[in-house]
N, C-alpha and C. Protein backbone atom coordinates (compact mmCIF):
# COMPACT_ATOMS: atom_id res chain seq x y z
N MET A 1 -41.46 -11.15 -31.19
CA MET A 1 -40.64 -12.34 -30.42
C MET A 1 -40.77 -13.41 -31.25
N LEU A 2 -41.96 -13.61 -31.80
CA LEU A 2 -42.22 -14.88 -32.74
C LEU A 2 -41.17 -15.00 -33.96
N GLN A 3 -40.83 -13.61 -34.40
CA GLN A 3 -39.94 -13.53 -35.69
C GLN A 3 -38.46 -14.07 -35.05
N ALA A 4 -38.23 -13.37 -33.85
CA ALA A 4 -36.76 -13.80 -33.48
C ALA A 4 -36.65 -15.42 -33.10
N VAL A 5 -37.62 -16.07 -32.58
CA VAL A 5 -37.49 -17.39 -32.50
C VAL A 5 -37.61 -18.15 -33.60
N THR A 6 -38.30 -17.68 -34.67
CA THR A 6 -38.55 -18.28 -35.99
C THR A 6 -37.20 -18.30 -36.60
N PHE A 7 -36.50 -17.03 -36.69
CA PHE A 7 -35.30 -17.08 -37.40
C PHE A 7 -34.12 -17.80 -36.78
N ALA A 8 -34.25 -17.73 -35.49
CA ALA A 8 -33.21 -18.62 -34.72
C ALA A 8 -33.23 -20.22 -35.12
N VAL A 9 -34.57 -20.64 -35.14
CA VAL A 9 -34.78 -21.98 -35.47
C VAL A 9 -34.50 -22.20 -36.95
N ILE A 10 -34.65 -21.24 -37.75
CA ILE A 10 -34.20 -21.62 -39.11
C ILE A 10 -32.71 -21.66 -39.30
N ALA A 11 -32.18 -20.64 -38.62
CA ALA A 11 -30.61 -20.65 -38.53
C ALA A 11 -30.03 -21.97 -37.84
N LEU A 12 -30.52 -22.55 -36.93
CA LEU A 12 -30.15 -23.73 -36.26
C LEU A 12 -30.40 -25.01 -37.10
N LEU A 13 -31.58 -25.08 -37.62
CA LEU A 13 -31.77 -26.06 -38.63
C LEU A 13 -30.88 -26.12 -39.83
N THR A 14 -30.58 -24.98 -40.32
CA THR A 14 -29.65 -24.61 -41.47
C THR A 14 -28.22 -25.24 -41.20
N VAL A 15 -27.80 -24.86 -39.86
CA VAL A 15 -26.51 -25.28 -39.42
C VAL A 15 -26.51 -26.76 -39.15
N ILE A 16 -27.53 -27.22 -38.71
CA ILE A 16 -27.55 -28.68 -38.70
C ILE A 16 -27.47 -29.39 -39.91
N ASP A 17 -28.13 -28.89 -40.86
CA ASP A 17 -27.87 -29.44 -42.29
C ASP A 17 -26.59 -29.34 -42.82
N GLN A 18 -25.99 -28.13 -42.64
CA GLN A 18 -24.70 -28.06 -43.17
C GLN A 18 -23.67 -28.94 -42.39
N ILE A 19 -23.83 -28.96 -41.12
CA ILE A 19 -22.87 -29.85 -40.40
C ILE A 19 -23.07 -31.35 -40.88
N THR A 20 -24.10 -31.87 -41.01
CA THR A 20 -24.45 -33.24 -41.55
C THR A 20 -23.70 -33.28 -43.01
N LYS A 21 -23.87 -32.34 -43.84
CA LYS A 21 -23.09 -32.51 -45.09
C LYS A 21 -21.57 -32.35 -44.98
N TYR A 22 -20.99 -31.53 -43.99
CA TYR A 22 -19.65 -31.54 -43.83
C TYR A 22 -19.25 -32.78 -43.37
N ILE A 23 -19.90 -33.44 -42.51
CA ILE A 23 -19.50 -34.74 -41.95
C ILE A 23 -19.55 -35.83 -43.18
N VAL A 24 -20.55 -35.68 -43.94
CA VAL A 24 -20.71 -36.67 -44.98
C VAL A 24 -19.52 -36.58 -45.94
N VAL A 25 -19.19 -35.25 -46.33
CA VAL A 25 -17.99 -35.01 -47.42
C VAL A 25 -16.67 -35.56 -46.72
N LEU A 26 -16.51 -35.35 -45.45
CA LEU A 26 -15.35 -35.74 -44.68
C LEU A 26 -15.18 -37.27 -44.63
N TYR A 27 -16.30 -37.96 -44.18
CA TYR A 27 -16.14 -39.39 -43.86
C TYR A 27 -16.64 -40.28 -45.08
N LEU A 28 -17.95 -39.83 -45.62
CA LEU A 28 -18.39 -40.76 -46.44
C LEU A 28 -18.00 -40.62 -48.07
N LYS A 29 -17.63 -39.34 -48.41
CA LYS A 29 -17.14 -39.28 -49.88
C LYS A 29 -16.04 -40.15 -50.15
N PRO A 30 -14.85 -40.32 -49.28
CA PRO A 30 -13.99 -41.15 -49.61
C PRO A 30 -14.29 -42.63 -49.75
N VAL A 31 -15.40 -43.09 -49.07
CA VAL A 31 -15.80 -44.55 -49.25
C VAL A 31 -16.98 -44.77 -50.21
N GLY A 32 -17.81 -43.67 -50.41
CA GLY A 32 -19.01 -43.72 -51.21
C GLY A 32 -20.18 -44.23 -50.65
N THR A 33 -20.19 -45.35 -50.06
CA THR A 33 -21.49 -45.63 -49.38
C THR A 33 -21.02 -46.43 -47.98
N ALA A 34 -22.08 -46.42 -47.14
CA ALA A 34 -21.90 -47.07 -45.90
C ALA A 34 -23.30 -47.49 -45.35
N ASP A 35 -23.37 -48.71 -44.74
CA ASP A 35 -24.80 -49.24 -43.93
C ASP A 35 -24.90 -48.20 -42.78
N PHE A 36 -26.25 -47.71 -42.85
CA PHE A 36 -26.63 -46.67 -41.85
C PHE A 36 -27.47 -47.38 -40.70
N ILE A 37 -28.58 -47.65 -41.11
CA ILE A 37 -29.67 -48.44 -40.26
C ILE A 37 -30.40 -49.44 -41.20
N PRO A 38 -31.10 -50.53 -40.74
CA PRO A 38 -31.81 -51.23 -41.81
C PRO A 38 -32.75 -50.55 -42.68
N GLY A 39 -32.69 -50.74 -43.97
CA GLY A 39 -33.42 -49.92 -44.94
C GLY A 39 -32.93 -48.67 -45.30
N VAL A 40 -31.99 -48.10 -44.72
CA VAL A 40 -31.25 -46.89 -45.04
C VAL A 40 -29.80 -47.26 -45.09
N ARG A 41 -29.37 -46.58 -46.34
CA ARG A 41 -27.89 -46.62 -46.63
C ARG A 41 -27.34 -45.13 -46.86
N LEU A 42 -26.28 -44.86 -46.42
CA LEU A 42 -25.57 -43.74 -46.68
C LEU A 42 -24.86 -43.73 -48.02
N ASN A 43 -25.16 -42.83 -48.94
CA ASN A 43 -24.67 -42.88 -50.25
C ASN A 43 -24.36 -41.50 -50.84
N TYR A 44 -23.04 -41.26 -50.88
CA TYR A 44 -22.51 -39.89 -51.19
C TYR A 44 -22.98 -39.54 -52.69
N LEU A 45 -23.68 -38.47 -52.86
CA LEU A 45 -24.09 -38.05 -54.14
C LEU A 45 -23.91 -36.48 -54.46
N GLU A 46 -23.34 -36.08 -55.48
CA GLU A 46 -23.36 -34.70 -55.89
C GLU A 46 -24.41 -34.44 -56.76
N ASN A 47 -25.40 -33.70 -56.39
CA ASN A 47 -26.82 -33.51 -57.02
C ASN A 47 -26.70 -32.19 -57.86
N THR A 48 -26.68 -32.06 -59.00
CA THR A 48 -26.54 -30.73 -59.63
C THR A 48 -28.04 -30.31 -60.25
N GLY A 49 -28.99 -31.25 -59.76
CA GLY A 49 -30.41 -30.87 -60.30
C GLY A 49 -31.31 -30.70 -59.09
N ALA A 50 -32.56 -30.97 -59.18
CA ALA A 50 -33.60 -30.90 -58.24
C ALA A 50 -34.03 -32.22 -57.91
N ALA A 51 -35.18 -32.40 -57.30
CA ALA A 51 -35.76 -33.66 -56.88
C ALA A 51 -35.96 -34.45 -57.99
N PHE A 52 -35.76 -35.94 -57.54
CA PHE A 52 -36.07 -36.98 -58.54
C PHE A 52 -35.21 -36.85 -59.87
N GLY A 53 -34.03 -36.28 -59.71
CA GLY A 53 -33.19 -36.11 -60.88
C GLY A 53 -33.44 -35.12 -61.88
N SER A 54 -34.64 -34.31 -61.61
CA SER A 54 -35.18 -33.47 -62.62
C SER A 54 -34.00 -32.09 -62.61
N LEU A 55 -34.22 -31.39 -63.82
CA LEU A 55 -33.34 -30.12 -64.00
C LEU A 55 -31.85 -30.44 -63.77
N THR A 56 -31.28 -31.65 -63.97
CA THR A 56 -29.79 -31.73 -63.81
C THR A 56 -29.08 -30.97 -64.53
N GLY A 57 -28.07 -30.33 -63.92
CA GLY A 57 -27.13 -29.38 -64.57
C GLY A 57 -27.51 -28.08 -64.51
N SER A 58 -28.84 -27.75 -63.81
CA SER A 58 -29.49 -26.35 -63.84
C SER A 58 -29.14 -25.54 -62.43
N THR A 59 -27.97 -25.74 -61.96
CA THR A 59 -27.61 -25.02 -60.76
C THR A 59 -28.03 -23.51 -60.55
N VAL A 60 -27.43 -22.79 -61.63
CA VAL A 60 -27.72 -21.53 -61.67
C VAL A 60 -29.19 -20.92 -61.72
N LEU A 61 -30.15 -21.68 -62.46
CA LEU A 61 -31.50 -21.40 -62.42
C LEU A 61 -32.06 -21.92 -61.18
N LEU A 62 -31.82 -23.11 -60.61
CA LEU A 62 -32.22 -23.48 -59.47
C LEU A 62 -32.02 -22.57 -58.23
N SER A 63 -30.54 -21.91 -58.22
CA SER A 63 -30.17 -21.00 -57.36
C SER A 63 -30.91 -19.68 -57.22
N VAL A 64 -31.27 -19.19 -58.50
CA VAL A 64 -31.89 -18.07 -58.49
C VAL A 64 -33.35 -18.30 -58.19
N VAL A 65 -34.11 -19.24 -58.72
CA VAL A 65 -35.47 -19.40 -58.17
C VAL A 65 -35.53 -19.56 -56.81
N THR A 66 -34.77 -20.44 -56.23
CA THR A 66 -34.63 -20.74 -54.64
C THR A 66 -34.41 -19.39 -53.99
N ALA A 67 -33.65 -18.53 -54.33
CA ALA A 67 -33.44 -17.44 -53.69
C ALA A 67 -34.54 -16.47 -53.87
N VAL A 68 -35.23 -16.38 -54.82
CA VAL A 68 -36.40 -15.53 -55.10
C VAL A 68 -37.47 -16.06 -53.98
N VAL A 69 -37.65 -17.36 -54.11
CA VAL A 69 -38.69 -17.80 -53.20
C VAL A 69 -38.36 -17.68 -51.70
N LEU A 70 -37.01 -17.88 -51.27
CA LEU A 70 -36.46 -17.79 -49.97
C LEU A 70 -36.79 -16.35 -49.52
N VAL A 71 -36.50 -15.30 -50.23
CA VAL A 71 -36.61 -13.97 -50.04
C VAL A 71 -38.20 -13.60 -49.66
N ALA A 72 -39.14 -14.17 -50.46
CA ALA A 72 -40.39 -14.06 -50.39
C ALA A 72 -41.00 -14.64 -48.92
N LEU A 73 -40.53 -16.01 -48.67
CA LEU A 73 -40.77 -16.76 -47.42
C LEU A 73 -40.23 -16.07 -46.32
N LEU A 74 -39.07 -15.60 -46.19
CA LEU A 74 -38.43 -14.73 -45.11
C LEU A 74 -39.27 -13.50 -44.98
N ALA A 75 -39.66 -12.73 -45.94
CA ALA A 75 -40.51 -11.62 -45.68
C ALA A 75 -41.79 -12.02 -45.17
N ALA A 76 -42.47 -13.00 -45.54
CA ALA A 76 -43.65 -13.22 -45.06
C ALA A 76 -43.70 -13.61 -43.79
N LEU A 77 -42.59 -14.34 -43.18
CA LEU A 77 -42.35 -14.89 -41.85
C LEU A 77 -42.07 -13.76 -40.91
N GLY A 78 -41.29 -12.70 -41.55
CA GLY A 78 -40.82 -11.55 -40.69
C GLY A 78 -42.16 -10.59 -40.43
N LYS A 79 -43.00 -10.71 -41.41
CA LYS A 79 -44.24 -9.75 -41.35
C LYS A 79 -45.40 -10.50 -40.52
N LYS A 80 -45.32 -11.67 -40.22
CA LYS A 80 -46.20 -12.58 -39.49
C LYS A 80 -47.34 -12.48 -40.48
N ALA A 81 -47.14 -12.84 -41.68
CA ALA A 81 -48.16 -12.91 -42.60
C ALA A 81 -49.17 -14.24 -42.61
N PHE A 82 -48.71 -15.20 -41.79
CA PHE A 82 -49.52 -16.57 -41.50
C PHE A 82 -50.34 -16.35 -40.45
N ASP A 83 -51.63 -16.56 -40.58
CA ASP A 83 -52.62 -16.54 -39.39
C ASP A 83 -52.47 -17.64 -38.56
N SER A 84 -52.07 -18.72 -38.90
CA SER A 84 -52.04 -19.89 -38.42
C SER A 84 -50.44 -20.17 -37.87
N LYS A 85 -50.10 -20.58 -36.61
CA LYS A 85 -48.84 -21.05 -36.21
C LYS A 85 -48.49 -22.20 -36.97
N ILE A 86 -49.36 -23.12 -37.14
CA ILE A 86 -49.03 -24.33 -37.89
C ILE A 86 -48.36 -24.08 -39.15
N LEU A 87 -49.16 -23.25 -40.00
CA LEU A 87 -48.60 -22.76 -41.42
C LEU A 87 -47.36 -21.90 -41.27
N HIS A 88 -47.25 -21.21 -40.20
CA HIS A 88 -45.96 -20.38 -39.88
C HIS A 88 -44.85 -21.54 -39.94
N TRP A 89 -44.82 -22.28 -38.93
CA TRP A 89 -43.79 -23.34 -38.78
C TRP A 89 -43.68 -24.33 -39.91
N GLY A 90 -44.57 -24.50 -40.65
CA GLY A 90 -44.42 -25.36 -41.92
C GLY A 90 -43.56 -24.57 -42.93
N VAL A 91 -43.89 -23.20 -42.92
CA VAL A 91 -43.19 -22.34 -43.91
C VAL A 91 -41.58 -22.30 -43.37
N ALA A 92 -41.55 -22.14 -42.10
CA ALA A 92 -40.09 -21.95 -41.52
C ALA A 92 -39.40 -23.20 -41.83
N LEU A 93 -39.87 -24.39 -41.54
CA LEU A 93 -39.08 -25.71 -42.14
C LEU A 93 -38.72 -25.66 -43.63
N ILE A 94 -39.60 -25.22 -44.54
CA ILE A 94 -39.32 -25.24 -45.97
C ILE A 94 -38.19 -24.13 -46.13
N THR A 95 -38.34 -23.01 -45.40
CA THR A 95 -37.24 -22.06 -45.68
C THR A 95 -35.84 -22.61 -45.14
N ALA A 96 -35.81 -23.14 -43.79
CA ALA A 96 -34.63 -23.70 -43.48
C ALA A 96 -33.99 -24.68 -44.42
N GLY A 97 -34.55 -25.64 -44.98
CA GLY A 97 -34.50 -26.56 -45.85
C GLY A 97 -33.84 -25.97 -47.27
N GLY A 98 -34.62 -24.99 -47.61
CA GLY A 98 -34.27 -24.17 -48.91
C GLY A 98 -32.99 -23.44 -48.58
N ILE A 99 -32.76 -22.88 -47.65
CA ILE A 99 -31.36 -22.24 -47.39
C ILE A 99 -30.40 -23.09 -47.44
N GLY A 100 -30.45 -24.24 -46.67
CA GLY A 100 -29.34 -25.31 -46.61
C GLY A 100 -28.99 -25.72 -48.11
N ASN A 101 -30.05 -26.04 -48.91
CA ASN A 101 -29.62 -26.48 -50.12
C ASN A 101 -29.14 -25.27 -51.12
N LEU A 102 -29.52 -24.10 -50.94
CA LEU A 102 -28.92 -23.05 -51.61
C LEU A 102 -27.65 -22.67 -51.21
N ILE A 103 -27.31 -22.86 -50.10
CA ILE A 103 -25.79 -22.80 -49.79
C ILE A 103 -24.84 -23.59 -50.54
N ASP A 104 -25.35 -24.92 -50.48
CA ASP A 104 -24.75 -25.84 -51.36
C ASP A 104 -24.41 -25.58 -52.70
N ARG A 105 -25.51 -25.09 -53.45
CA ARG A 105 -25.47 -24.71 -54.74
C ARG A 105 -24.75 -23.61 -55.11
N VAL A 106 -24.72 -22.59 -54.16
CA VAL A 106 -23.91 -21.35 -54.41
C VAL A 106 -22.34 -21.72 -54.26
N PHE A 107 -22.10 -22.48 -53.00
CA PHE A 107 -20.72 -22.38 -52.84
C PHE A 107 -20.09 -23.65 -53.35
N LYS A 108 -20.78 -24.86 -53.80
CA LYS A 108 -20.27 -25.95 -54.27
C LYS A 108 -20.70 -26.23 -55.71
N GLY A 109 -21.74 -25.66 -56.13
CA GLY A 109 -22.36 -25.88 -57.49
C GLY A 109 -23.15 -27.22 -57.48
N TYR A 110 -23.46 -27.87 -56.46
CA TYR A 110 -24.17 -29.03 -56.38
C TYR A 110 -24.73 -29.15 -54.93
N VAL A 111 -25.71 -30.02 -54.68
CA VAL A 111 -26.25 -30.10 -53.30
C VAL A 111 -25.59 -31.69 -52.81
N THR A 112 -25.14 -31.60 -51.70
CA THR A 112 -24.67 -33.06 -51.16
C THR A 112 -25.84 -33.78 -50.89
N ASP A 113 -26.13 -34.94 -51.21
CA ASP A 113 -27.44 -35.91 -50.73
C ASP A 113 -26.60 -37.24 -50.26
N PHE A 114 -27.17 -37.79 -49.27
CA PHE A 114 -26.52 -39.04 -48.83
C PHE A 114 -27.47 -40.16 -48.24
N PHE A 115 -28.84 -39.65 -47.95
CA PHE A 115 -29.71 -40.75 -47.35
C PHE A 115 -30.26 -41.47 -48.46
N GLU A 116 -30.19 -42.92 -48.49
CA GLU A 116 -30.94 -43.76 -49.43
C GLU A 116 -31.56 -44.71 -48.91
N PHE A 117 -32.78 -44.88 -49.29
CA PHE A 117 -33.73 -45.87 -48.82
C PHE A 117 -33.38 -47.24 -49.63
N THR A 118 -33.09 -48.39 -48.91
CA THR A 118 -32.74 -49.58 -49.73
C THR A 118 -34.09 -50.44 -49.92
N PHE A 119 -35.11 -50.22 -49.31
CA PHE A 119 -36.11 -51.11 -49.27
C PHE A 119 -37.31 -50.48 -50.33
N VAL A 120 -36.93 -49.30 -51.14
CA VAL A 120 -37.87 -48.72 -52.17
C VAL A 120 -37.11 -47.88 -53.15
N LYS A 121 -37.32 -47.86 -54.16
CA LYS A 121 -36.81 -46.94 -55.27
C LYS A 121 -37.09 -45.57 -55.05
N PHE A 122 -36.10 -44.74 -54.37
CA PHE A 122 -36.41 -43.38 -54.08
C PHE A 122 -35.03 -42.52 -54.17
N PRO A 123 -35.22 -41.38 -54.70
CA PRO A 123 -33.85 -40.52 -54.67
C PRO A 123 -33.20 -40.21 -53.49
N VAL A 124 -31.99 -40.04 -53.55
CA VAL A 124 -31.09 -39.98 -52.39
C VAL A 124 -31.25 -38.51 -51.91
N PHE A 125 -31.26 -38.21 -50.67
CA PHE A 125 -31.83 -36.86 -50.29
C PHE A 125 -30.91 -36.48 -48.92
N ASN A 126 -31.22 -35.29 -48.51
CA ASN A 126 -30.35 -34.82 -47.19
C ASN A 126 -31.33 -34.44 -46.18
N VAL A 127 -30.79 -33.61 -45.13
CA VAL A 127 -31.43 -33.25 -44.11
C VAL A 127 -32.36 -32.13 -44.54
N ALA A 128 -31.85 -31.25 -45.44
CA ALA A 128 -32.44 -30.08 -45.85
C ALA A 128 -33.75 -30.56 -46.73
N ASP A 129 -33.67 -31.60 -47.55
CA ASP A 129 -34.82 -32.16 -48.16
C ASP A 129 -35.87 -32.60 -47.18
N CYS A 130 -35.37 -33.27 -46.17
CA CYS A 130 -36.44 -33.57 -45.07
C CYS A 130 -37.15 -32.60 -44.44
N LEU A 131 -36.51 -31.37 -44.23
CA LEU A 131 -37.06 -30.15 -43.67
C LEU A 131 -38.18 -29.63 -44.68
N ILE A 132 -37.80 -29.51 -45.90
CA ILE A 132 -38.68 -29.14 -46.92
C ILE A 132 -39.89 -29.88 -47.04
N THR A 133 -39.71 -31.27 -47.29
CA THR A 133 -40.81 -32.26 -47.22
C THR A 133 -41.74 -32.08 -45.98
N VAL A 134 -41.22 -32.26 -44.90
CA VAL A 134 -41.91 -32.10 -43.71
C VAL A 134 -42.83 -30.73 -43.67
N GLY A 135 -42.10 -29.57 -43.91
CA GLY A 135 -42.66 -28.53 -43.88
C GLY A 135 -43.67 -28.33 -44.94
N ALA A 136 -43.55 -29.03 -46.12
CA ALA A 136 -44.63 -28.93 -47.18
C ALA A 136 -45.97 -29.61 -46.77
N VAL A 137 -45.56 -31.01 -46.20
CA VAL A 137 -46.69 -31.81 -45.91
C VAL A 137 -47.52 -31.08 -44.50
N ILE A 138 -46.70 -30.53 -43.47
CA ILE A 138 -47.50 -29.82 -42.60
C ILE A 138 -48.44 -28.57 -43.09
N SER A 139 -47.79 -27.84 -44.15
CA SER A 139 -48.55 -26.84 -44.79
C SER A 139 -49.55 -27.24 -45.46
N ILE A 140 -49.57 -28.26 -46.36
CA ILE A 140 -50.58 -28.83 -47.18
C ILE A 140 -51.96 -29.40 -46.35
N ILE A 141 -51.38 -30.13 -45.33
CA ILE A 141 -52.45 -30.69 -44.53
C ILE A 141 -53.26 -29.55 -43.89
N TYR A 142 -52.55 -28.42 -43.31
CA TYR A 142 -53.24 -27.22 -42.55
C TYR A 142 -54.07 -26.63 -43.72
N LEU A 143 -53.46 -26.40 -44.92
CA LEU A 143 -54.27 -25.65 -45.85
C LEU A 143 -55.52 -26.43 -46.43
N VAL A 144 -55.50 -27.52 -46.53
CA VAL A 144 -56.56 -28.45 -46.99
C VAL A 144 -57.62 -28.46 -45.67
N TYR A 145 -57.19 -28.58 -44.49
CA TYR A 145 -58.17 -28.50 -43.34
C TYR A 145 -58.85 -27.33 -43.25
N ASP A 146 -58.07 -26.00 -43.67
CA ASP A 146 -58.59 -24.71 -43.48
C ASP A 146 -59.59 -24.48 -44.62
N ILE A 147 -59.31 -25.19 -45.69
CA ILE A 147 -60.42 -25.15 -46.85
C ILE A 147 -61.75 -25.62 -46.37
N PHE A 148 -61.59 -26.92 -45.94
CA PHE A 148 -62.88 -27.49 -45.59
C PHE A 148 -63.62 -26.92 -44.48
N ALA A 149 -62.82 -26.26 -43.39
CA ALA A 149 -63.41 -25.69 -42.16
C ALA A 149 -63.96 -24.39 -42.82
N SER A 150 -63.51 -23.62 -43.76
CA SER A 150 -64.24 -22.38 -44.16
C SER A 150 -65.24 -22.90 -44.76
N LEU A 151 -65.19 -23.90 -45.70
CA LEU A 151 -66.54 -24.37 -46.37
C LEU A 151 -67.55 -24.71 -45.50
N LYS A 152 -67.26 -25.31 -44.54
CA LYS A 152 -68.33 -25.84 -43.41
C LYS A 152 -68.81 -24.49 -42.64
N LYS A 153 -68.05 -23.75 -42.40
CA LYS A 153 -68.49 -22.40 -41.77
C LYS A 153 -69.33 -21.68 -42.72
N GLU A 154 -69.02 -21.46 -43.92
CA GLU A 154 -69.72 -20.86 -44.96
C GLU A 154 -71.10 -21.46 -44.98
N LYS A 155 -71.13 -22.79 -45.14
CA LYS A 155 -72.42 -23.52 -45.32
C LYS A 155 -73.51 -23.26 -44.15
N ALA A 156 -72.72 -23.43 -42.82
CA ALA A 156 -73.41 -22.95 -41.56
C ALA A 156 -74.04 -21.66 -41.67
N GLU A 157 -73.29 -20.67 -41.83
CA GLU A 157 -73.74 -19.26 -41.97
C GLU A 157 -74.92 -19.14 -43.00
N LYS A 158 -74.77 -19.75 -44.28
CA LYS A 158 -75.91 -19.61 -45.19
C LYS A 158 -77.22 -20.27 -44.76
N ALA A 159 -76.98 -21.44 -43.94
CA ALA A 159 -78.15 -22.26 -43.35
C ALA A 159 -78.79 -21.33 -42.10
N GLU A 160 -77.96 -20.70 -41.50
CA GLU A 160 -78.52 -19.76 -40.46
C GLU A 160 -79.35 -18.55 -40.96
N LYS A 161 -78.59 -17.88 -42.03
CA LYS A 161 -79.42 -16.91 -42.84
C LYS A 161 -80.59 -17.42 -43.48
N ALA A 162 -80.54 -18.55 -43.89
CA ALA A 162 -81.92 -18.92 -44.73
C ALA A 162 -82.94 -19.19 -43.59
N GLU A 163 -82.50 -19.77 -42.44
CA GLU A 163 -83.54 -20.08 -41.38
C GLU A 163 -84.01 -18.70 -40.97
N LYS A 164 -83.16 -17.74 -40.78
CA LYS A 164 -83.81 -16.43 -40.12
C LYS A 164 -84.60 -15.75 -41.18
N GLU A 165 -84.50 -15.87 -42.57
CA GLU A 165 -85.29 -15.30 -43.50
C GLU A 165 -86.57 -16.24 -43.60
N ASN A 166 -86.55 -17.43 -43.33
CA ASN A 166 -87.96 -18.38 -43.37
C ASN A 166 -88.64 -17.96 -42.22
N GLY A 167 -87.92 -17.80 -40.93
CA GLY A 167 -88.56 -17.48 -39.61
C GLY A 167 -89.34 -16.16 -39.66
N ASN A 168 -88.89 -15.15 -40.60
CA ASN A 168 -89.53 -13.81 -40.63
C ASN A 168 -90.55 -13.70 -41.61
N ASP A 169 -90.83 -14.76 -42.38
CA ASP A 169 -91.92 -14.65 -43.41
C ASP A 169 -93.25 -15.01 -42.89
């Protein structure tokens, strides 16, 4: 059941990403930029690279690497490879964003970006990028927490073992 819900959520988020990009191409591309909300402007951009302008013009490489990673993530999600539901859903968000951007690269040769912060120098991004970022942050926070929880548990077990050994002497 979890896999079915997960894949439905991934599909829904991917569709939302693609709809926003379609609307942007339809209405924003002809004008280039438009005010959105204070601090955020809509700015049409065709990104042939990755985040922060890296790997510009490397659409094929980025597509292949993304496809391989997505296959691995989808397989892991399908096999319930993650013990934590938090980590599971973090990876699901990353997967949905990755699929959204991969669709753009494969069918257009670039990723449509459009959100631009006006209050700070930051790359233009899209809904898929938000999904990837939020999923990565959730996953990293969980993994860091899990590492510290494991270390604390290990320390407690060693202390308990030492106490038993000292009590038996």
